[in-house]
N, C-alpha and C. Protein backbone atom coordinates (compact mmCIF):
# COMPACT_ATOMS: atom_id res chain seq x y z
N MET A 1 0.84 -1.17 0.00
CA MET A 1 0.00 0.00 0.00
C MET A 1 0.90 1.24 0.00
N PRO A 2 0.70 2.16 -0.97
CA PRO A 2 1.54 3.35 -1.04
C PRO A 2 1.29 4.29 0.14
N LYS A 3 2.36 4.97 0.52
CA LYS A 3 2.25 5.92 1.62
C LYS A 3 1.54 7.17 1.13
N LYS A 4 0.87 7.83 2.05
CA LYS A 4 0.18 9.07 1.72
C LYS A 4 1.21 10.17 1.54
N LYS A 5 0.92 11.11 0.67
CA LYS A 5 1.80 12.26 0.47
C LYS A 5 1.70 13.16 1.69
N PRO A 6 2.84 13.72 2.11
CA PRO A 6 2.79 14.61 3.27
C PRO A 6 2.04 15.90 2.92
N LYS A 7 1.21 16.35 3.86
CA LYS A 7 0.42 17.56 3.62
C LYS A 7 1.07 18.79 4.25
N THR A 8 1.75 18.59 5.34
CA THR A 8 2.37 19.73 6.01
C THR A 8 3.89 19.63 5.89
N ARG A 9 4.53 20.76 6.17
CA ARG A 9 6.00 20.79 6.12
C ARG A 9 6.58 19.83 7.15
N LYS A 10 5.95 19.75 8.30
CA LYS A 10 6.44 18.87 9.36
C LYS A 10 6.36 17.41 8.93
N GLU A 11 5.28 17.02 8.26
CA GLU A 11 5.14 15.66 7.76
C GLU A 11 6.19 15.36 6.69
N HIS A 12 6.43 16.37 5.84
CA HIS A 12 7.43 16.22 4.77
C HIS A 12 8.83 16.01 5.36
N GLU A 13 9.19 16.81 6.36
CA GLU A 13 10.49 16.69 7.00
C GLU A 13 10.65 15.34 7.71
N ALA A 14 9.56 14.87 8.34
CA ALA A 14 9.60 13.58 9.02
C ALA A 14 9.80 12.45 8.01
N LEU A 15 9.12 12.54 6.85
CA LEU A 15 9.27 11.53 5.81
C LEU A 15 10.68 11.57 5.21
N ALA A 16 11.22 12.78 5.01
CA ALA A 16 12.58 12.93 4.48
C ALA A 16 13.60 12.33 5.44
N GLU A 17 13.43 12.55 6.73
CA GLU A 17 14.35 12.00 7.74
C GLU A 17 14.28 10.47 7.76
N GLU A 18 13.07 9.94 7.62
CA GLU A 18 12.89 8.48 7.59
C GLU A 18 13.57 7.88 6.35
N ASN A 19 13.42 8.53 5.21
CA ASN A 19 14.03 8.04 3.97
C ASN A 19 15.55 8.20 3.98
N LYS A 20 16.04 9.23 4.64
CA LYS A 20 17.48 9.47 4.71
C LYS A 20 18.18 8.30 5.39
N LYS A 21 17.55 7.73 6.38
CA LYS A 21 18.13 6.60 7.10
C LYS A 21 18.24 5.37 6.21
N LYS A 22 17.37 5.26 5.19
CA LYS A 22 17.35 4.09 4.33
C LYS A 22 18.31 4.21 3.16
N LEU A 23 18.70 5.44 2.80
CA LEU A 23 19.52 5.65 1.61
C LEU A 23 20.99 5.32 1.85
N GLY A 24 21.68 4.96 0.78
CA GLY A 24 23.12 4.75 0.83
C GLY A 24 23.49 3.33 1.24
N ALA A 25 24.74 3.00 0.94
CA ALA A 25 25.25 1.68 1.30
C ALA A 25 25.52 1.64 2.80
N PRO A 26 25.43 0.47 3.39
CA PRO A 26 25.75 0.39 4.81
C PRO A 26 27.22 0.72 5.04
N THR A 27 27.50 1.36 6.14
CA THR A 27 28.89 1.71 6.43
C THR A 27 29.67 0.48 6.83
N PHE A 28 30.95 0.49 6.51
CA PHE A 28 31.83 -0.63 6.81
C PHE A 28 33.03 -0.03 7.52
N PRO A 29 33.06 -0.04 8.85
CA PRO A 29 34.16 0.60 9.57
C PRO A 29 35.49 -0.12 9.31
N PHE A 30 36.58 0.66 9.40
CA PHE A 30 37.91 0.11 9.15
C PHE A 30 38.20 -1.01 10.13
N ASN A 31 38.80 -2.07 9.60
CA ASN A 31 39.11 -3.24 10.40
C ASN A 31 40.50 -3.73 9.97
N ASP A 32 41.45 -3.77 10.90
CA ASP A 32 42.82 -4.18 10.58
C ASP A 32 42.89 -5.59 9.99
N ALA A 33 42.10 -6.50 10.53
CA ALA A 33 42.14 -7.89 10.04
C ALA A 33 41.66 -7.97 8.60
N ILE A 34 40.56 -7.27 8.29
CA ILE A 34 40.03 -7.26 6.91
C ILE A 34 41.03 -6.56 5.99
N ALA A 35 41.64 -5.47 6.46
CA ALA A 35 42.62 -4.75 5.66
C ALA A 35 43.80 -5.65 5.30
N THR A 36 44.25 -6.45 6.25
CA THR A 36 45.34 -7.40 5.99
C THR A 36 44.93 -8.44 4.96
N LEU A 37 43.71 -8.96 5.10
CA LEU A 37 43.21 -9.94 4.13
C LEU A 37 43.09 -9.34 2.72
N ILE A 38 42.68 -8.09 2.64
CA ILE A 38 42.57 -7.41 1.34
C ILE A 38 43.95 -7.33 0.70
N CYS A 39 44.95 -6.92 1.46
CA CYS A 39 46.31 -6.81 0.91
C CYS A 39 46.85 -8.18 0.51
N GLU A 40 46.55 -9.20 1.28
CA GLU A 40 46.99 -10.55 0.92
C GLU A 40 46.32 -11.01 -0.38
N ALA A 41 45.04 -10.70 -0.52
CA ALA A 41 44.33 -11.08 -1.75
C ALA A 41 44.91 -10.34 -2.96
N ILE A 42 45.17 -9.05 -2.81
CA ILE A 42 45.73 -8.27 -3.92
C ILE A 42 47.08 -8.84 -4.33
N SER A 43 47.90 -9.19 -3.35
CA SER A 43 49.25 -9.65 -3.67
C SER A 43 49.29 -11.10 -4.15
N SER A 44 48.15 -11.79 -4.16
CA SER A 44 48.16 -13.17 -4.62
C SER A 44 47.22 -13.43 -5.80
N ILE A 45 46.45 -12.44 -6.19
CA ILE A 45 45.50 -12.60 -7.30
C ILE A 45 45.76 -11.52 -8.35
N PRO A 46 46.12 -11.88 -9.57
CA PRO A 46 46.40 -10.87 -10.60
C PRO A 46 45.12 -10.36 -11.28
N ARG A 47 44.19 -9.84 -10.48
CA ARG A 47 42.92 -9.33 -10.98
C ARG A 47 42.63 -8.00 -10.31
N GLY A 48 41.65 -7.27 -10.82
CA GLY A 48 41.28 -5.97 -10.29
C GLY A 48 40.47 -6.05 -9.01
N MET A 49 40.27 -4.90 -8.38
CA MET A 49 39.56 -4.84 -7.10
C MET A 49 38.10 -5.26 -7.23
N GLU A 50 37.45 -4.94 -8.36
CA GLU A 50 36.05 -5.37 -8.54
C GLU A 50 35.94 -6.88 -8.40
N PHE A 51 36.83 -7.60 -9.08
CA PHE A 51 36.82 -9.07 -9.03
C PHE A 51 37.13 -9.57 -7.62
N ILE A 52 38.15 -8.99 -7.01
CA ILE A 52 38.56 -9.43 -5.67
C ILE A 52 37.43 -9.20 -4.67
N CYS A 53 36.80 -8.04 -4.72
CA CYS A 53 35.69 -7.78 -3.79
C CYS A 53 34.49 -8.69 -4.07
N ALA A 54 34.24 -8.98 -5.35
CA ALA A 54 33.10 -9.84 -5.70
C ALA A 54 33.33 -11.28 -5.26
N THR A 55 34.57 -11.72 -5.24
CA THR A 55 34.85 -13.11 -4.86
C THR A 55 35.12 -13.28 -3.36
N HIS A 56 35.16 -12.19 -2.64
CA HIS A 56 35.36 -12.23 -1.19
C HIS A 56 34.20 -11.49 -0.52
N PRO A 57 33.12 -12.17 -0.20
CA PRO A 57 31.94 -11.49 0.33
C PRO A 57 32.15 -10.77 1.66
N ASP A 58 33.22 -11.09 2.38
CA ASP A 58 33.49 -10.41 3.65
C ASP A 58 34.25 -9.10 3.45
N PHE A 59 34.64 -8.78 2.20
CA PHE A 59 35.36 -7.54 1.92
C PHE A 59 34.36 -6.42 1.66
N PRO A 60 34.73 -5.18 2.01
CA PRO A 60 33.88 -4.05 1.62
C PRO A 60 34.01 -3.79 0.12
N CYS A 61 33.22 -2.87 -0.40
CA CYS A 61 33.29 -2.55 -1.82
C CYS A 61 34.56 -1.75 -2.13
N LYS A 62 34.86 -1.63 -3.42
CA LYS A 62 36.07 -0.95 -3.87
C LYS A 62 36.11 0.50 -3.38
N THR A 63 34.97 1.18 -3.38
CA THR A 63 34.92 2.58 -2.93
C THR A 63 35.31 2.69 -1.47
N THR A 64 34.81 1.79 -0.64
CA THR A 64 35.16 1.81 0.79
C THR A 64 36.65 1.57 0.98
N ILE A 65 37.20 0.65 0.20
CA ILE A 65 38.64 0.37 0.30
C ILE A 65 39.45 1.62 -0.06
N ASN A 66 39.02 2.34 -1.09
CA ASN A 66 39.72 3.58 -1.46
C ASN A 66 39.59 4.64 -0.38
N ILE A 67 38.45 4.70 0.29
CA ILE A 67 38.27 5.65 1.41
C ILE A 67 39.19 5.25 2.56
N TRP A 68 39.30 3.95 2.83
CA TRP A 68 40.22 3.49 3.86
C TRP A 68 41.64 3.93 3.53
N ARG A 69 42.03 3.83 2.26
CA ARG A 69 43.38 4.23 1.85
C ARG A 69 43.62 5.71 2.15
N LEU A 70 42.61 6.52 1.98
CA LEU A 70 42.75 7.96 2.25
C LEU A 70 42.90 8.26 3.73
N HIS A 71 42.18 7.52 4.56
CA HIS A 71 42.12 7.84 5.99
C HIS A 71 43.05 7.03 6.88
N HIS A 72 43.69 6.00 6.32
CA HIS A 72 44.57 5.14 7.12
C HIS A 72 45.90 4.96 6.39
N PRO A 73 46.89 5.80 6.70
CA PRO A 73 48.17 5.77 5.98
C PRO A 73 48.88 4.41 6.03
N SER A 74 48.77 3.70 7.13
CA SER A 74 49.44 2.39 7.20
C SER A 74 48.79 1.41 6.23
N PHE A 75 47.46 1.47 6.09
CA PHE A 75 46.77 0.62 5.12
C PHE A 75 47.15 1.04 3.70
N ALA A 76 47.26 2.34 3.46
CA ALA A 76 47.64 2.83 2.13
C ALA A 76 49.03 2.31 1.75
N ALA A 77 49.95 2.29 2.70
CA ALA A 77 51.30 1.78 2.43
C ALA A 77 51.28 0.28 2.15
N ASP A 78 50.51 -0.47 2.95
CA ASP A 78 50.39 -1.91 2.73
C ASP A 78 49.73 -2.21 1.39
N TYR A 79 48.72 -1.42 1.05
CA TYR A 79 48.01 -1.59 -0.22
C TYR A 79 48.96 -1.36 -1.40
N LYS A 80 49.78 -0.32 -1.28
CA LYS A 80 50.74 -0.01 -2.34
C LYS A 80 51.74 -1.16 -2.51
N THR A 81 52.23 -1.68 -1.41
CA THR A 81 53.16 -2.82 -1.47
C THR A 81 52.49 -4.03 -2.12
N ALA A 82 51.24 -4.28 -1.76
CA ALA A 82 50.50 -5.40 -2.35
C ALA A 82 50.35 -5.21 -3.86
N LYS A 83 50.10 -3.98 -4.30
CA LYS A 83 49.96 -3.71 -5.73
C LYS A 83 51.29 -3.93 -6.46
N LEU A 84 52.40 -3.63 -5.81
CA LEU A 84 53.71 -3.87 -6.42
C LEU A 84 53.96 -5.37 -6.58
N VAL A 85 53.57 -6.14 -5.59
CA VAL A 85 53.70 -7.60 -5.69
C VAL A 85 52.79 -8.10 -6.81
N GLN A 86 51.59 -7.51 -6.90
CA GLN A 86 50.66 -7.91 -7.94
C GLN A 86 51.21 -7.60 -9.33
N ALA A 87 51.98 -6.54 -9.48
CA ALA A 87 52.59 -6.22 -10.77
C ALA A 87 53.52 -7.34 -11.22
N ASN A 88 54.25 -7.93 -10.30
CA ASN A 88 55.10 -9.07 -10.65
C ASN A 88 54.26 -10.28 -11.05
N LEU A 89 53.11 -10.46 -10.38
CA LEU A 89 52.21 -11.55 -10.78
C LEU A 89 51.70 -11.34 -12.21
N LEU A 90 51.38 -10.09 -12.52
CA LEU A 90 50.91 -9.78 -13.88
C LEU A 90 51.99 -10.07 -14.91
N ALA A 91 53.24 -9.76 -14.57
CA ALA A 91 54.34 -10.04 -15.49
C ALA A 91 54.52 -11.55 -15.70
N GLU A 92 54.40 -12.31 -14.62
CA GLU A 92 54.49 -13.77 -14.75
C GLU A 92 53.31 -14.33 -15.53
N ASP A 93 52.15 -13.71 -15.35
CA ASP A 93 50.95 -14.12 -16.07
C ASP A 93 51.13 -13.97 -17.58
N MET A 94 51.89 -12.95 -17.99
CA MET A 94 52.14 -12.74 -19.42
C MET A 94 52.84 -13.94 -20.05
N LEU A 95 53.77 -14.52 -19.33
CA LEU A 95 54.47 -15.70 -19.85
C LEU A 95 53.51 -16.86 -20.07
N ASP A 96 52.61 -17.06 -19.10
CA ASP A 96 51.64 -18.15 -19.24
C ASP A 96 50.72 -17.93 -20.43
N ILE A 97 50.28 -16.69 -20.61
CA ILE A 97 49.39 -16.38 -21.73
C ILE A 97 50.12 -16.58 -23.06
N ALA A 98 51.35 -16.09 -23.14
CA ALA A 98 52.12 -16.20 -24.38
C ALA A 98 52.46 -17.64 -24.71
N ASP A 99 52.72 -18.46 -23.70
CA ASP A 99 53.10 -19.86 -23.94
C ASP A 99 51.91 -20.78 -24.21
N ASP A 100 50.70 -20.34 -23.86
CA ASP A 100 49.51 -21.18 -24.04
C ASP A 100 49.00 -21.06 -25.48
N SER A 101 49.20 -22.10 -26.25
CA SER A 101 48.74 -22.09 -27.65
C SER A 101 47.61 -23.09 -27.88
N THR A 102 46.97 -23.53 -26.81
CA THR A 102 45.96 -24.58 -26.94
C THR A 102 44.73 -24.14 -27.74
N HIS A 103 44.40 -22.86 -27.73
CA HIS A 103 43.21 -22.39 -28.44
C HIS A 103 43.55 -21.53 -29.65
N ASP A 104 44.80 -21.53 -30.06
CA ASP A 104 45.22 -20.70 -31.21
C ASP A 104 44.65 -21.20 -32.52
N THR A 105 44.36 -22.48 -32.61
CA THR A 105 43.81 -23.04 -33.85
C THR A 105 42.52 -23.79 -33.56
N THR A 106 41.67 -23.82 -34.57
CA THR A 106 40.44 -24.59 -34.49
C THR A 106 40.33 -25.45 -35.75
N ILE A 107 39.46 -26.40 -35.70
CA ILE A 107 39.27 -27.26 -36.86
C ILE A 107 38.12 -26.70 -37.69
N GLY A 108 38.42 -26.33 -38.92
CA GLY A 108 37.42 -25.80 -39.84
C GLY A 108 37.11 -26.79 -40.94
N LYS A 109 36.43 -26.31 -41.97
CA LYS A 109 36.07 -27.17 -43.10
C LYS A 109 37.29 -27.76 -43.78
N HIS A 110 38.35 -26.96 -43.88
CA HIS A 110 39.54 -27.36 -44.62
C HIS A 110 40.70 -27.74 -43.71
N GLY A 111 40.42 -28.14 -42.48
CA GLY A 111 41.48 -28.54 -41.57
C GLY A 111 41.70 -27.50 -40.48
N LEU A 112 42.91 -27.45 -39.96
CA LEU A 112 43.24 -26.50 -38.90
C LEU A 112 43.31 -25.07 -39.44
N ILE A 113 42.66 -24.16 -38.74
CA ILE A 113 42.75 -22.74 -39.08
C ILE A 113 43.07 -21.96 -37.81
N MET A 114 43.72 -20.84 -38.01
CA MET A 114 44.09 -20.01 -36.87
C MET A 114 42.85 -19.28 -36.34
N ASP A 115 42.68 -19.29 -35.03
CA ASP A 115 41.58 -18.56 -34.40
C ASP A 115 42.08 -17.16 -34.09
N SER A 116 41.91 -16.26 -35.06
CA SER A 116 42.49 -14.92 -34.92
C SER A 116 41.86 -14.14 -33.78
N GLU A 117 40.61 -14.41 -33.44
CA GLU A 117 39.97 -13.72 -32.32
C GLU A 117 40.65 -14.10 -31.00
N TYR A 118 40.96 -15.37 -30.83
CA TYR A 118 41.62 -15.81 -29.60
C TYR A 118 43.04 -15.25 -29.52
N VAL A 119 43.74 -15.24 -30.64
CA VAL A 119 45.10 -14.71 -30.66
C VAL A 119 45.08 -13.21 -30.33
N ALA A 120 44.10 -12.49 -30.91
CA ALA A 120 43.98 -11.05 -30.63
C ALA A 120 43.65 -10.81 -29.16
N ARG A 121 42.79 -11.64 -28.59
CA ARG A 121 42.44 -11.51 -27.18
C ARG A 121 43.67 -11.77 -26.30
N SER A 122 44.46 -12.75 -26.66
CA SER A 122 45.69 -13.03 -25.91
C SER A 122 46.65 -11.85 -26.00
N ARG A 123 46.76 -11.25 -27.17
CA ARG A 123 47.63 -10.09 -27.34
C ARG A 123 47.14 -8.93 -26.47
N LEU A 124 45.83 -8.72 -26.45
CA LEU A 124 45.26 -7.67 -25.61
C LEU A 124 45.53 -7.94 -24.13
N ARG A 125 45.37 -9.18 -23.72
CA ARG A 125 45.63 -9.54 -22.32
C ARG A 125 47.09 -9.27 -21.95
N ILE A 126 48.00 -9.60 -22.83
CA ILE A 126 49.42 -9.37 -22.58
C ILE A 126 49.72 -7.87 -22.56
N ASP A 127 49.20 -7.13 -23.55
CA ASP A 127 49.45 -5.69 -23.61
C ASP A 127 48.91 -4.97 -22.38
N THR A 128 47.75 -5.38 -21.90
CA THR A 128 47.17 -4.76 -20.70
C THR A 128 48.04 -5.03 -19.49
N ARG A 129 48.49 -6.25 -19.33
CA ARG A 129 49.35 -6.59 -18.19
C ARG A 129 50.70 -5.88 -18.30
N LYS A 130 51.19 -5.76 -19.53
CA LYS A 130 52.46 -5.08 -19.75
C LYS A 130 52.34 -3.61 -19.32
N TRP A 131 51.25 -2.97 -19.73
CA TRP A 131 51.04 -1.56 -19.39
C TRP A 131 50.90 -1.39 -17.88
N LEU A 132 50.07 -2.24 -17.25
CA LEU A 132 49.90 -2.13 -15.79
C LEU A 132 51.22 -2.34 -15.06
N SER A 133 51.98 -3.33 -15.48
CA SER A 133 53.27 -3.59 -14.83
C SER A 133 54.21 -2.40 -15.00
N SER A 134 54.20 -1.81 -16.19
CA SER A 134 55.10 -0.66 -16.42
C SER A 134 54.68 0.55 -15.60
N GLN A 135 53.38 0.67 -15.28
CA GLN A 135 52.92 1.79 -14.46
C GLN A 135 53.20 1.56 -12.98
N LEU A 136 53.03 0.32 -12.54
CA LEU A 136 53.23 0.01 -11.13
C LEU A 136 54.71 -0.13 -10.77
N LEU A 137 55.50 -0.69 -11.68
CA LEU A 137 56.94 -0.87 -11.44
C LEU A 137 57.73 -0.36 -12.65
N PRO A 138 57.78 0.96 -12.83
CA PRO A 138 58.44 1.51 -14.02
C PRO A 138 59.93 1.19 -14.09
N ASP A 139 60.60 1.05 -12.95
CA ASP A 139 62.03 0.73 -12.98
C ASP A 139 62.28 -0.69 -13.49
N ASP A 140 61.34 -1.60 -13.22
CA ASP A 140 61.50 -2.99 -13.64
C ASP A 140 60.89 -3.27 -15.01
N TYR A 141 59.71 -2.69 -15.28
CA TYR A 141 58.98 -3.04 -16.49
C TYR A 141 58.69 -1.85 -17.40
N GLY A 142 59.20 -0.67 -17.07
CA GLY A 142 58.97 0.51 -17.90
C GLY A 142 59.77 0.45 -19.19
N SER A 143 59.35 1.26 -20.16
CA SER A 143 60.01 1.22 -21.47
C SER A 143 61.10 2.28 -21.62
N THR A 144 61.26 3.15 -20.64
CA THR A 144 62.31 4.15 -20.74
C THR A 144 63.59 3.62 -20.11
N ILE A 145 64.70 4.06 -20.66
CA ILE A 145 66.00 3.65 -20.15
C ILE A 145 66.61 4.87 -19.46
N ASN A 146 66.99 4.71 -18.22
CA ASN A 146 67.59 5.79 -17.46
C ASN A 146 69.10 5.66 -17.56
N VAL A 147 69.71 6.63 -18.24
CA VAL A 147 71.17 6.62 -18.39
C VAL A 147 71.72 7.66 -17.43
N ASP A 148 72.49 7.19 -16.47
CA ASP A 148 73.08 8.07 -15.48
C ASP A 148 74.58 8.11 -15.72
N VAL A 149 75.07 9.30 -16.13
CA VAL A 149 76.50 9.41 -16.39
C VAL A 149 77.28 9.67 -15.12
N GLY A 150 76.62 10.06 -14.08
CA GLY A 150 77.14 10.25 -12.73
C GLY A 150 78.59 10.65 -12.58
N GLY A 151 78.81 11.66 -11.79
CA GLY A 151 80.15 12.07 -11.41
C GLY A 151 80.77 13.06 -12.37
N ASP A 152 81.76 13.81 -11.85
CA ASP A 152 82.44 14.83 -12.63
C ASP A 152 83.32 14.23 -13.72
N LYS A 153 83.93 13.10 -13.45
CA LYS A 153 84.82 12.45 -14.43
C LYS A 153 84.02 12.08 -15.69
N ALA A 154 82.81 11.51 -15.51
CA ALA A 154 81.98 11.13 -16.64
C ALA A 154 81.56 12.36 -17.43
N LYS A 155 81.23 13.44 -16.74
CA LYS A 155 80.83 14.68 -17.43
C LYS A 155 82.00 15.23 -18.23
N GLU A 156 83.17 15.14 -17.66
CA GLU A 156 84.38 15.62 -18.33
C GLU A 156 84.61 14.85 -19.64
N VAL A 157 84.43 13.54 -19.59
CA VAL A 157 84.61 12.71 -20.77
C VAL A 157 83.60 13.08 -21.84
N VAL A 158 82.35 13.30 -21.44
CA VAL A 158 81.31 13.66 -22.40
C VAL A 158 81.61 15.02 -23.03
N VAL A 159 82.02 15.99 -22.22
CA VAL A 159 82.33 17.33 -22.74
C VAL A 159 83.51 17.28 -23.71
N LYS A 160 84.55 16.52 -23.37
CA LYS A 160 85.71 16.39 -24.26
C LYS A 160 85.30 15.72 -25.57
N GLY A 161 84.45 14.68 -25.47
CA GLY A 161 83.99 13.98 -26.66
C GLY A 161 83.20 14.91 -27.57
N LEU A 162 82.34 15.74 -27.00
CA LEU A 162 81.57 16.69 -27.80
C LEU A 162 82.47 17.73 -28.44
N ALA A 163 83.50 18.17 -27.71
CA ALA A 163 84.44 19.15 -28.26
C ALA A 163 85.17 18.57 -29.47
N LYS A 164 85.57 17.30 -29.39
CA LYS A 164 86.25 16.66 -30.52
C LYS A 164 85.32 16.56 -31.74
N VAL A 165 84.07 16.20 -31.50
CA VAL A 165 83.11 16.08 -32.60
C VAL A 165 82.90 17.45 -33.26
N LYS A 166 82.77 18.49 -32.45
CA LYS A 166 82.56 19.83 -32.99
C LYS A 166 83.78 20.27 -33.81
N ALA A 167 84.97 19.96 -33.31
CA ALA A 167 86.19 20.35 -34.01
C ALA A 167 86.30 19.65 -35.36
N LYS A 168 85.95 18.37 -35.40
CA LYS A 168 86.06 17.61 -36.65
C LYS A 168 85.01 18.03 -37.66
N LYS A 169 83.81 18.30 -37.20
CA LYS A 169 82.72 18.58 -38.13
C LYS A 169 82.47 20.07 -38.29
N ASN A 170 83.21 20.88 -37.56
CA ASN A 170 83.03 22.33 -37.63
C ASN A 170 81.57 22.70 -37.32
N VAL A 171 81.07 22.20 -36.21
CA VAL A 171 79.69 22.42 -35.81
C VAL A 171 79.61 23.77 -35.08
N ARG A 172 78.59 24.54 -35.45
CA ARG A 172 78.39 25.83 -34.79
C ARG A 172 77.53 25.67 -33.55
N GLU A 173 77.79 26.49 -32.56
CA GLU A 173 76.96 26.50 -31.35
C GLU A 173 75.88 27.55 -31.53
N PHE A 174 74.73 27.30 -30.99
CA PHE A 174 73.61 28.24 -31.10
C PHE A 174 73.47 29.02 -29.84
């Protein structure tokens, strides 16, 4: 049976207060034990938080976990460490995907044919993991090379080498 519409301001405010209590997701207070389990799950499962939260009914939702990260620095540090471990899992996962050729071919009318959709999906899975790994661990999996010439002696060698090149080629300075 539908509720009657409020006629007075007081009835309207009472109805609004009653509905306010019903709105929103239930709160999930921070819990050290659950936080530890979340970090353990992240560091052992090469999947996103949506999947991890969906497969662990005792975990809060992804939004709550992000709020915990904002308000609890120790959890944020543990979470970051777990994500770094997960990046290594993603890198190892790439090897398994690349080495698995069981679905690369199918049997068609004229014999074995390449399943280009499966191969493309495998390439996408590898590229996604490669990108995530390079973002989480750029020193290990990034595509840039950091060349450090370090020290005055190395700088001296570079400057002398450039001077010789300029002298030989008669290069002008700008």
